[in-house]
PDB file of N, CA and C in Angstrom:
ATOM      1  N   MET A   1      34.993   0.824  10.270  1.00  0.00           N
ATOM      2  CA  MET A   1      33.066   0.249  11.262  1.00  0.00           C
ATOM      3  C   MET A   1      32.363  -0.523  10.244  1.00  0.00           C
ATOM      4  N   ILE A   2      31.350  -1.610   9.795  1.00  0.00           N
ATOM      5  CA  ILE A   2      30.529  -1.716   9.771  1.00  0.00           C
ATOM      6  C   ILE A   2      29.423  -1.907  10.072  1.00  0.00           C
ATOM      7  N   GLN A   3      28.394  -0.920   9.216  1.00  0.00           N
ATOM      8  CA  GLN A   3      27.111  -0.176   9.156  1.00  0.00           C
ATOM      9  C   GLN A   3      26.316  -0.865   9.034  1.00  0.00           C
ATOM     10  N   ASN A   4      25.473  -1.870  10.079  1.00  0.00           N
ATOM     11  CA  ASN A   4      24.423  -2.076   9.994  1.00  0.00           C
ATOM     12  C   ASN A   4      22.872  -1.729   9.196  1.00  0.00           C
ATOM     13  N   GLU A   5      22.971  -2.028   7.722  1.00  0.00           N
ATOM     14  CA  GLU A   5      22.312  -1.570   6.930  1.00  0.00           C
ATOM     15  C   GLU A   5      20.877  -2.340   6.560  1.00  0.00           C
ATOM     16  N   LYS A   6      19.976  -1.733   6.685  1.00  0.00           N
ATOM     17  CA  LYS A   6      18.938  -2.948   5.463  1.00  0.00           C
ATOM     18  C   LYS A   6      18.763  -3.604   4.541  1.00  0.00           C
ATOM     19  N   ILE A   7      19.403  -4.583   4.267  1.00  0.00           N
ATOM     20  CA  ILE A   7      19.400  -4.549   2.194  1.00  0.00           C
ATOM     21  C   ILE A   7      17.238  -4.664   2.176  1.00  0.00           C
ATOM     22  N   ARG A   8      17.778  -3.837   0.895  1.00  0.00           N
ATOM     23  CA  ARG A   8      15.991  -3.269   0.550  1.00  0.00           C
ATOM     24  C   ARG A   8      16.314  -3.982  -0.844  1.00  0.00           C
ATOM     25  N   PRO A   9      15.108  -5.425  -1.532  1.00  0.00           N
ATOM     26  CA  PRO A   9      15.269  -5.171  -2.540  1.00  0.00           C
ATOM     27  C   PRO A   9      15.576  -4.284  -3.460  1.00  0.00           C
ATOM     28  N   ALA A  10      15.743  -4.565  -4.953  1.00  0.00           N
ATOM     29  CA  ALA A  10      16.018  -3.565  -5.753  1.00  0.00           C
ATOM     30  C   ALA A  10      14.468  -3.464  -6.622  1.00  0.00           C
ATOM     31  N   LYS A  11      13.819  -4.275  -6.684  1.00  0.00           N
ATOM     32  CA  LYS A  11      12.585  -4.350  -7.242  1.00  0.00           C
ATOM     33  C   LYS A  11      11.808  -5.571  -6.635  1.00  0.00           C
ATOM     34  N   VAL A  12      10.096  -4.783  -6.665  1.00  0.00           N
ATOM     35  CA  VAL A  12       8.906  -5.425  -6.043  1.00  0.00           C
ATOM     36  C   VAL A  12       8.029  -5.811  -7.478  1.00  0.00           C
ATOM     37  N   ILE A  13       7.727  -6.986  -6.753  1.00  0.00           N
ATOM     38  CA  ILE A  13       6.451  -8.010  -8.441  1.00  0.00           C
ATOM     39  C   ILE A  13       5.591  -6.600  -7.546  1.00  0.00           C
ATOM     40  N   GLY A  14       5.028  -5.525  -8.211  1.00  0.00           N
ATOM     41  CA  GLY A  14       3.015  -4.918  -8.192  1.00  0.00           C
ATOM     42  C   GLY A  14       2.083  -5.730  -7.829  1.00  0.00           C
ATOM     43  N   PRO A  15       1.204  -4.678  -7.301  1.00  0.00           N
ATOM     44  CA  PRO A  15      -0.113  -6.184  -7.537  1.00  0.00           C
ATOM     45  C   PRO A  15      -0.548  -6.502  -9.177  1.00  0.00           C
ATOM     46  N   LEU A  16      -0.401  -5.516 -10.495  1.00  0.00           N
ATOM     47  CA  LEU A  16      -0.641  -6.368 -11.375  1.00  0.00           C
ATOM     48  C   LEU A  16       0.183  -7.023 -12.203  1.00  0.00           C
ATOM     49  N   GLY A  17       1.266  -7.203 -11.596  1.00  0.00           N
ATOM     50  CA  GLY A  17       3.034  -8.730 -11.384  1.00  0.00           C
ATOM     51  C   GLY A  17       3.388  -7.956 -12.308  1.00  0.00           C
ATOM     52  N   GLU A  18       3.874  -6.503 -12.198  1.00  0.00           N
ATOM     53  CA  GLU A  18       4.723  -5.610 -12.478  1.00  0.00           C
ATOM     54  C   GLU A  18       6.020  -5.781 -11.831  1.00  0.00           C
ATOM     55  N   PRO A  19       7.135  -5.213 -12.803  1.00  0.00           N
ATOM     56  CA  PRO A  19       8.072  -5.084 -11.032  1.00  0.00           C
ATOM     57  C   PRO A  19       8.639  -3.191 -10.557  1.00  0.00           C
ATOM     58  N   LEU A  20       8.359  -3.343  -9.874  1.00  0.00           N
ATOM     59  CA  LEU A  20       8.251  -1.995  -8.943  1.00  0.00           C
ATOM     60  C   LEU A  20       9.886  -1.693  -7.922  1.00  0.00           C
ATOM     61  N   THR A  21      10.256  -0.341  -8.568  1.00  0.00           N
ATOM     62  CA  THR A  21      11.447   0.299  -8.078  1.00  0.00           C
ATOM     63  C   THR A  21      10.715   1.426  -7.568  1.00  0.00           C
ATOM     64  N   VAL A  22      12.015   2.149  -6.588  1.00  0.00           N
ATOM     65  CA  VAL A  22      11.530   3.190  -6.427  1.00  0.00           C
ATOM     66  C   VAL A  22      11.237   4.353  -7.341  1.00  0.00           C
ATOM     67  N   ASP A  23      12.313   4.450  -8.114  1.00  0.00           N
ATOM     68  CA  ASP A  23      11.552   5.632  -9.606  1.00  0.00           C
ATOM     69  C   ASP A  23      10.053   4.388 -10.333  1.00  0.00           C
ATOM     70  N   THR A  24      10.234   3.775 -10.282  1.00  0.00           N
ATOM     71  CA  THR A  24       8.429   3.376 -11.081  1.00  0.00           C
ATOM     72  C   THR A  24       7.645   4.089  -9.954  1.00  0.00           C
ATOM     73  N   LEU A  25       7.329   4.402  -8.498  1.00  0.00           N
ATOM     74  CA  LEU A  25       6.220   4.491  -7.822  1.00  0.00           C
ATOM     75  C   LEU A  25       6.076   5.152  -8.017  1.00  0.00           C
ATOM     76  N   PRO A  26       4.565   5.773  -7.364  1.00  0.00           N
ATOM     77  CA  PRO A  26       3.820   7.230  -8.285  1.00  0.00           C
ATOM     78  C   PRO A  26       5.109   8.390  -7.634  1.00  0.00           C
ATOM     79  N   PRO A  27       4.558   9.419  -8.260  1.00  0.00           N
ATOM     80  CA  PRO A  27       5.704  10.512  -7.523  1.00  0.00           C
ATOM     81  C   PRO A  27       5.450  11.165  -6.054  1.00  0.00           C
ATOM     82  N   PRO A  28       6.487  11.705  -5.270  1.00  0.00           N
ATOM     83  CA  PRO A  28       6.207  12.132  -4.469  1.00  0.00           C
ATOM     84  C   PRO A  28       4.757  13.103  -3.927  1.00  0.00           C
ATOM     85  N   SER A  29       4.910  13.652  -5.466  1.00  0.00           N
ATOM     86  CA  SER A  29       3.742  15.243  -4.907  1.00  0.00           C
ATOM     87  C   SER A  29       1.896  14.714  -6.278  1.00  0.00           C
ATOM     88  N   THR A  30       1.783  13.533  -5.479  1.00  0.00           N
ATOM     89  CA  THR A  30       1.200  12.532  -6.013  1.00  0.00           C
ATOM     90  C   THR A  30      -0.354  13.123  -5.478  1.00  0.00           C
ATOM     91  N   THR A  31      -1.218  13.753  -5.830  1.00  0.00           N
ATOM     92  CA  THR A  31      -2.468  13.975  -5.063  1.00  0.00           C
ATOM     93  C   THR A  31      -3.678  13.131  -5.347  1.00  0.00           C
ATOM     94  N   ARG A  32      -3.865  12.764  -6.533  1.00  0.00           N
ATOM     95  CA  ARG A  32      -5.200  11.668  -6.303  1.00  0.00           C
ATOM     96  C   ARG A  32      -4.846   9.782  -6.654  1.00  0.00           C
ATOM     97  N   TRP A  33      -5.232   9.992  -5.501  1.00  0.00           N
ATOM     98  CA  TRP A  33      -5.213   8.930  -5.333  1.00  0.00           C
ATOM     99  C   TRP A  33      -6.351   6.813  -5.735  1.00  0.00           C
ATOM    100  N   VAL A  34      -5.738   7.302  -7.042  1.00  0.00           N
ATOM    101  CA  VAL A  34      -6.275   5.738  -7.215  1.00  0.00           C
ATOM    102  C   VAL A  34      -5.874   4.632  -6.440  1.00  0.00           C
ATOM    103  N   VAL A  35      -7.002   3.601  -6.819  1.00  0.00           N
ATOM    104  CA  VAL A  35      -6.899   2.446  -6.636  1.00  0.00           C
ATOM    105  C   VAL A  35      -5.808   1.285  -7.095  1.00  0.00           C
ATOM    106  N   ARG A  36      -5.218   1.554  -8.269  1.00  0.00           N
ATOM    107  CA  ARG A  36      -4.275   1.733  -8.824  1.00  0.00           C
ATOM    108  C   ARG A  36      -2.345   1.800  -8.007  1.00  0.00           C
ATOM    109  N   ARG A  37      -2.973   3.633  -7.931  1.00  0.00           N
ATOM    110  CA  ARG A  37      -2.235   3.328  -6.974  1.00  0.00           C
ATOM    111  C   ARG A  37      -1.300   3.181  -5.614  1.00  0.00           C
ATOM    112  N   LYS A  38      -2.225   3.125  -4.477  1.00  0.00           N
ATOM    113  CA  LYS A  38      -2.256   3.184  -4.015  1.00  0.00           C
ATOM    114  C   LYS A  38      -2.343   1.073  -3.258  1.00  0.00           C
ATOM    115  N   ALA A  39      -2.324   0.356  -4.319  1.00  0.00           N
ATOM    116  CA  ALA A  39      -1.897  -0.557  -4.407  1.00  0.00           C
ATOM    117  C   ALA A  39      -0.336  -0.886  -4.197  1.00  0.00           C
ATOM    118  N   GLU A  40       0.169  -0.128  -5.123  1.00  0.00           N
ATOM    119  CA  GLU A  40       1.724  -0.554  -5.395  1.00  0.00           C
ATOM    120  C   GLU A  40       2.263   0.278  -4.322  1.00  0.00           C
ATOM    121  N   VAL A  41       1.529   1.279  -3.796  1.00  0.00           N
ATOM    122  CA  VAL A  41       2.169   1.873  -2.492  1.00  0.00           C
ATOM    123  C   VAL A  41       2.339   0.593  -1.267  1.00  0.00           C
ATOM    124  N   VAL A  42       1.239   0.158  -1.345  1.00  0.00           N
ATOM    125  CA  VAL A  42       1.326  -1.263  -0.206  1.00  0.00           C
ATOM    126  C   VAL A  42       2.315  -2.391  -1.150  1.00  0.00           C
ATOM    127  N   ALA A  43       2.622  -2.436  -1.742  1.00  0.00           N
ATOM    128  CA  ALA A  43       3.409  -4.115  -1.952  1.00  0.00           C
ATOM    129  C   ALA A  43       4.275  -3.587  -2.218  1.00  0.00           C
ATOM    130  N   ALA A  44       5.260  -1.929  -2.493  1.00  0.00           N
ATOM    131  CA  ALA A  44       6.147  -2.107  -1.856  1.00  0.00           C
ATOM    132  C   ALA A  44       6.768  -1.751  -0.576  1.00  0.00           C
ATOM    133  N   VAL A  45       6.375  -2.016   0.166  1.00  0.00           N
ATOM    134  CA  VAL A  45       5.567  -2.135   1.774  1.00  0.00           C
ATOM    135  C   VAL A  45       6.406  -3.081   2.025  1.00  0.00           C
ATOM    136  N   ASN A  46       5.298  -3.672   1.473  1.00  0.00           N
ATOM    137  CA  ASN A  46       5.450  -5.496   2.176  1.00  0.00           C
ATOM    138  C   ASN A  46       6.354  -5.860   1.150  1.00  0.00           C
ATOM    139  N   GLY A  47       6.866  -5.783   0.283  1.00  0.00           N
ATOM    140  CA  GLY A  47       8.132  -6.712  -0.730  1.00  0.00           C
ATOM    141  C   GLY A  47       9.159  -5.764   0.376  1.00  0.00           C
ATOM    142  N   GLY A  48       9.523  -4.851   0.713  1.00  0.00           N
ATOM    143  CA  GLY A  48      10.446  -4.116   1.888  1.00  0.00           C
ATOM    144  C   GLY A  48      10.767  -3.581   1.356  1.00  0.00           C
ATOM    145  N   LEU A  49      10.823  -2.804  -0.530  1.00  0.00           N
ATOM    146  CA  LEU A  49      11.171  -1.843  -1.453  1.00  0.00           C
ATOM    147  C   LEU A  49      11.220  -0.007   0.142  1.00  0.00           C
ATOM    148  N   LEU A  50      10.868   0.056   0.582  1.00  0.00           N
ATOM    149  CA  LEU A  50      10.509   1.024   1.357  1.00  0.00           C
ATOM    150  C   LEU A  50       9.289   0.472   3.019  1.00  0.00           C
ATOM    151  N   SER A  51       9.552   1.699   3.760  1.00  0.00           N
ATOM    152  CA  SER A  51       8.714   1.339   4.864  1.00  0.00           C
ATOM    153  C   SER A  51       8.128   2.126   5.052  1.00  0.00           C
ATOM    154  N   VAL A  52       7.091   1.990   5.958  1.00  0.00           N
ATOM    155  CA  VAL A  52       6.302   2.297   6.113  1.00  0.00           C
ATOM    156  C   VAL A  52       6.350   3.928   6.432  1.00  0.00           C
ATOM    157  N   ASP A  53       7.541   4.553   7.799  1.00  0.00           N
ATOM    158  CA  ASP A  53       8.161   5.957   7.922  1.00  0.00           C
ATOM    159  C   ASP A  53       7.658   6.803   6.210  1.00  0.00           C
ATOM    160  N   GLU A  54       9.199   5.816   5.915  1.00  0.00           N
ATOM    161  CA  GLU A  54       9.978   6.566   4.809  1.00  0.00           C
ATOM    162  C   GLU A  54       8.068   6.622   3.375  1.00  0.00           C
ATOM    163  N   VAL A  55       7.200   6.001   3.281  1.00  0.00           N
ATOM    164  CA  VAL A  55       5.576   6.302   3.064  1.00  0.00           C
ATOM    165  C   VAL A  55       5.346   7.115   2.966  1.00  0.00           C
ATOM    166  N   CYS A  56       4.845   7.523   4.591  1.00  0.00           N
ATOM    167  CA  CYS A  56       4.318   8.518   5.987  1.00  0.00           C
ATOM    168  C   CYS A  56       5.069   9.769   4.936  1.00  0.00           C
ATOM    169  N   ASP A  57       6.359   9.788   5.195  1.00  0.00           N
ATOM    170  CA  ASP A  57       6.911  11.561   4.786  1.00  0.00           C
ATOM    171  C   ASP A  57       7.193  11.016   3.063  1.00  0.00           C
ATOM    172  N   ARG A  58       7.260  10.614   2.452  1.00  0.00           N
ATOM    173  CA  ARG A  58       6.799  10.589   0.583  1.00  0.00           C
ATOM    174  C   ARG A  58       6.207  11.094   0.208  1.00  0.00           C
ATOM    175  N   TYR A  59       4.368  10.711   1.186  1.00  0.00           N
ATOM    176  CA  TYR A  59       3.281  10.668   0.086  1.00  0.00           C
ATOM    177  C   TYR A  59       2.844  11.827   1.618  1.00  0.00           C
ATOM    178  N   GLY A  60       3.352  12.628   2.051  1.00  0.00           N
ATOM    179  CA  GLY A  60       2.287  12.685   3.449  1.00  0.00           C
ATOM    180  C   GLY A  60       1.288  12.351   3.714  1.00  0.00           C
ATOM    181  N   LEU A  61       1.630  10.560   4.026  1.00  0.00           N
ATOM    182  CA  LEU A  61       0.081  10.042   4.645  1.00  0.00           C
ATOM    183  C   LEU A  61       0.131  10.120   5.999  1.00  0.00           C
ATOM    184  N   THR A  62      -0.962   9.230   6.730  1.00  0.00           N
ATOM    185  CA  THR A  62      -1.060   8.913   8.340  1.00  0.00           C
ATOM    186  C   THR A  62      -0.869   7.925   7.976  1.00  0.00           C
ATOM    187  N   ALA A  63      -0.152   7.336   9.294  1.00  0.00           N
ATOM    188  CA  ALA A  63       0.015   5.582   9.254  1.00  0.00           C
ATOM    189  C   ALA A  63      -1.355   5.252   9.674  1.00  0.00           C
ATOM    190  N   GLU A  64      -1.547   5.669  10.605  1.00  0.00           N
ATOM    191  CA  GLU A  64      -3.654   5.156  10.290  1.00  0.00           C
ATOM    192  C   GLU A  64      -4.523   5.224   8.485  1.00  0.00           C
ATOM    193  N   GLU A  65      -4.135   5.864   7.941  1.00  0.00           N
ATOM    194  CA  GLU A  65      -4.206   6.073   6.380  1.00  0.00           C
ATOM    195  C   GLU A  65      -4.019   4.999   5.624  1.00  0.00           C
ATOM    196  N   PHE A  66      -2.285   5.113   5.555  1.00  0.00           N
ATOM    197  CA  PHE A  66      -1.640   3.926   5.143  1.00  0.00           C
ATOM    198  C   PHE A  66      -2.207   2.438   5.985  1.00  0.00           C
ATOM    199  N   ALA A  67      -1.524   2.311   6.692  1.00  0.00           N
ATOM    200  CA  ALA A  67      -2.913   1.368   7.337  1.00  0.00           C
ATOM    201  C   ALA A  67      -3.746   0.415   7.177  1.00  0.00           C
ATOM    202  N   GLY A  68      -4.403   1.775   6.804  1.00  0.00           N
ATOM    203  CA  GLY A  68      -6.666   1.231   5.950  1.00  0.00           C
ATOM    204  C   GLY A  68      -6.267   0.896   5.238  1.00  0.00           C
ATOM    205  N   TRP A  69      -4.840   1.522   3.983  1.00  0.00           N
ATOM    206  CA  TRP A  69      -5.061   0.922   2.289  1.00  0.00           C
ATOM    207  C   TRP A  69      -4.013  -0.699   2.861  1.00  0.00           C
ATOM    208  N   GLN A  70      -3.754  -1.261   3.599  1.00  0.00           N
ATOM    209  CA  GLN A  70      -3.563  -2.182   4.133  1.00  0.00           C
ATOM    210  C   GLN A  70      -4.404  -3.104   4.798  1.00  0.00           C
ATOM    211  N   ARG A  71      -4.876  -2.938   5.100  1.00  0.00           N
ATOM    212  CA  ARG A  71      -6.441  -3.106   5.628  1.00  0.00           C
ATOM    213  C   ARG A  71      -7.744  -3.870   5.115  1.00  0.00           C
ATOM    214  N   ALA A  72      -7.654  -2.763   3.597  1.00  0.00           N
ATOM    215  CA  ALA A  72      -8.523  -3.224   2.341  1.00  0.00           C
ATOM    216  C   ALA A  72      -7.655  -4.144   1.451  1.00  0.00           C
ATOM    217  N   ILE A  73      -7.168  -3.694   1.298  1.00  0.00           N
ATOM    218  CA  ILE A  73      -6.430  -5.210   0.587  1.00  0.00           C
ATOM    219  C   ILE A  73      -5.889  -6.062   0.988  1.00  0.00           C
ATOM    220  N   ASP A  74      -5.712  -7.158   2.177  1.00  0.00           N
ATOM    221  CA  ASP A  74      -5.615  -7.429   3.004  1.00  0.00           C
ATOM    222  C   ASP A  74      -6.943  -8.338   2.840  1.00  0.00           C
ATOM    223  N   ARG A  75      -7.950  -7.357   3.256  1.00  0.00           N
ATOM    224  CA  ARG A  75      -9.726  -7.993   3.191  1.00  0.00           C
ATOM    225  C   ARG A  75     -10.381  -8.391   2.209  1.00  0.00           C
ATOM    226  N   SER A  76     -10.232  -7.401   1.292  1.00  0.00           N
ATOM    227  CA  SER A  76     -10.609  -7.201   0.257  1.00  0.00           C
ATOM    228  C   SER A  76     -10.291  -6.903  -1.400  1.00  0.00           C
ATOM    229  N   GLY A  77      -8.803  -6.683  -0.888  1.00  0.00           N
ATOM    230  CA  GLY A  77      -8.059  -6.624  -2.688  1.00  0.00           C
ATOM    231  C   GLY A  77      -8.472  -5.983  -2.909  1.00  0.00           C
ATOM    232  N   MET A  78      -7.596  -5.467  -4.105  1.00  0.00           N
ATOM    233  CA  MET A  78      -7.488  -3.838  -4.952  1.00  0.00           C
ATOM    234  C   MET A  78      -9.225  -3.758  -5.151  1.00  0.00           C
ATOM    235  N   PRO A  79     -10.270  -4.107  -5.156  1.00  0.00           N
ATOM    236  CA  PRO A  79     -10.912  -3.497  -5.063  1.00  0.00           C
ATOM    237  C   PRO A  79     -11.813  -2.815  -3.946  1.00  0.00           C
ATOM    238  N   GLY A  80     -10.832  -3.542  -2.733  1.00  0.00           N
ATOM    239  CA  GLY A  80     -11.128  -3.014  -1.626  1.00  0.00           C
ATOM    240  C   GLY A  80     -10.583  -1.012  -1.393  1.00  0.00           C
ATOM    241  N   LEU A  81      -9.930  -1.048  -1.601  1.00  0.00           N
ATOM    242  CA  LEU A  81      -9.460   0.522  -1.694  1.00  0.00           C
ATOM    243  C   LEU A  81     -10.566   1.632  -2.767  1.00  0.00           C
ATOM    244  N   ARG A  82     -11.180   0.836  -3.384  1.00  0.00           N
ATOM    245  CA  ARG A  82     -12.080   2.138  -3.769  1.00  0.00           C
ATOM    246  C   ARG A  82     -12.806   3.047  -2.351  1.00  0.00           C
ATOM    247  N   VAL A  83     -12.484   4.357  -3.393  1.00  0.00           N
ATOM    248  CA  VAL A  83     -13.441   5.334  -1.857  1.00  0.00           C
ATOM    249  C   VAL A  83     -14.999   5.194  -2.043  1.00  0.00           C
ATOM    250  N   THR A  84     -15.226   4.777  -2.900  1.00  0.00           N
ATOM    251  CA  THR A  84     -16.844   4.869  -3.566  1.00  0.00           C
ATOM    252  C   THR A  84     -17.154   3.549  -3.069  1.00  0.00           C
ATOM    253  N   ARG A  85     -16.133   2.571  -2.455  1.00  0.00           N
ATOM    254  CA  ARG A  85     -17.110   1.044  -2.313  1.00  0.00           C
ATOM    255  C   ARG A  85     -16.464   0.635  -0.978  1.00  0.00           C
ATOM    256  N   ILE A  86     -15.941   1.763  -0.225  1.00  0.00           N
ATOM    257  CA  ILE A  86     -14.954   1.749   1.654  1.00  0.00           C
ATOM    258  C   ILE A  86     -16.609   0.534   2.145  1.00  0.00           C
ATOM    259  N   GLN A  87     -17.798   1.493   2.182  1.00  0.00           N
ATOM    260  CA  GLN A  87     -18.385   1.129   2.731  1.00  0.00           C
ATOM    261  C   GLN A  87     -18.808  -0.302   2.924  1.00  0.00           C
ATOM    262  N   HIS A  88     -19.170  -0.617   1.811  1.00  0.00           N
ATOM    263  CA  HIS A  88     -20.138  -2.388   1.529  1.00  0.00           C
ATOM    264  C   HIS A  88     -18.843  -2.727   1.365  1.00  0.00           C
ATOM    265  N   TYR A  89     -17.113  -2.843   1.401  1.00  0.00           N
ATOM    266  CA  TYR A  89     -16.440  -3.852   1.759  1.00  0.00           C
ATOM    267  C   TYR A  89     -16.443  -4.483   3.309  1.00  0.00           C
ATOM    268  N   ARG A  90     -16.859  -2.672   4.626  1.00  0.00           N
ATOM    269  CA  ARG A  90     -17.128  -2.872   5.313  1.00  0.00           C
ATOM    270  C   ARG A  90     -18.332  -3.661   5.964  1.00  0.00           C
ATOM    271  N   THR A  91     -19.053  -3.697   5.580  1.00  0.00           N
ATOM    272  CA  THR A  91     -20.293  -4.408   6.054  1.00  0.00           C
ATOM    273  C   THR A  91     -20.145  -5.447   5.716  1.00  0.00           C
ATOM    274  N   LEU A  92     -19.726  -6.181   4.196  1.00  0.00           N
ATOM    275  CA  LEU A  92     -18.833  -7.607   4.176  1.00  0.00           C
ATOM    276  C   LEU A  92     -18.902  -8.134   5.145  1.00  0.00           C
ATOM    277  N   TYR A  93     -17.018  -7.930   5.287  1.00  0.00           N
ATOM    278  CA  TYR A  93     -15.905  -8.307   6.210  1.00  0.00           C
ATOM    279  C   TYR A  93     -16.582  -8.401   7.601  1.00  0.00           C
ATOM    280  N   GLU A  94     -17.824  -7.098   8.031  1.00  0.00           N
ATOM    281  CA  GLU A  94     -18.299  -7.754   9.491  1.00  0.00           C
ATOM    282  C   GLU A  94     -19.127  -8.508   9.526  1.00  0.00           C
ATOM    283  N   ARG A  95     -19.819  -8.434   8.146  1.00  0.00           N
ATOM    284  CA  ARG A  95     -20.757  -9.800   8.255  1.00  0.00           C
ATOM    285  C   ARG A  95     -20.062 -10.855   8.003  1.00  0.00           C
ATOM    286  N   GLN A  96     -18.745 -11.329   7.599  1.00  0.00           N
ATOM    287  CA  GLN A  96     -17.870 -12.823   7.311  1.00  0.00           C
ATOM    288  C   GLN A  96     -17.551 -12.821   9.127  1.00  0.00           C
ATOM    289  N   LEU A  97     -17.482 -12.376  10.164  1.00  0.00           N
ATOM    290  CA  LEU A  97     -17.193 -12.453  11.208  1.00  0.00           C
ATOM    291  C   LEU A  97     -17.885 -13.048  12.034  1.00  0.00           C
ATOM    292  N   LYS A  98     -18.826 -12.377  11.830  1.00  0.00           N
ATOM    293  CA  LYS A  98     -19.856 -12.916  12.343  1.00  0.00           C
ATOM    294  C   LYS A  98     -20.382 -14.239  11.763  1.00  0.00           C
ATOM    295  N   TYR A  99     -20.327 -14.628  10.811  1.00  0.00           N
ATOM    296  CA  TYR A  99     -20.268 -16.158  10.566  1.00  0.00           C
ATOM    297  C   TYR A  99     -19.690 -17.139  10.473  1.00  0.00           C
TER     298      TYR A  99
END
């Protein structure tokens, strides 16, 4: 019997243009999330390398936290992931929606 498994790419293009594989993603023990690492994980999910559930299990994230990373990249790119600038980018985005 043939099982219908999801076909996944062996690698995807990362946020800085480099190829990403499961082995080159941040290690599961990552506790310090810098912008580049967050962007790599989001790129892996967007490219189909991992699912959201796999990312949440692998890194101990909540679905809401990961969704926040995706929204930040969609709205402001990689700079939107900077923790020190979250409020700035949120305000900027809200202003853009008004006008």
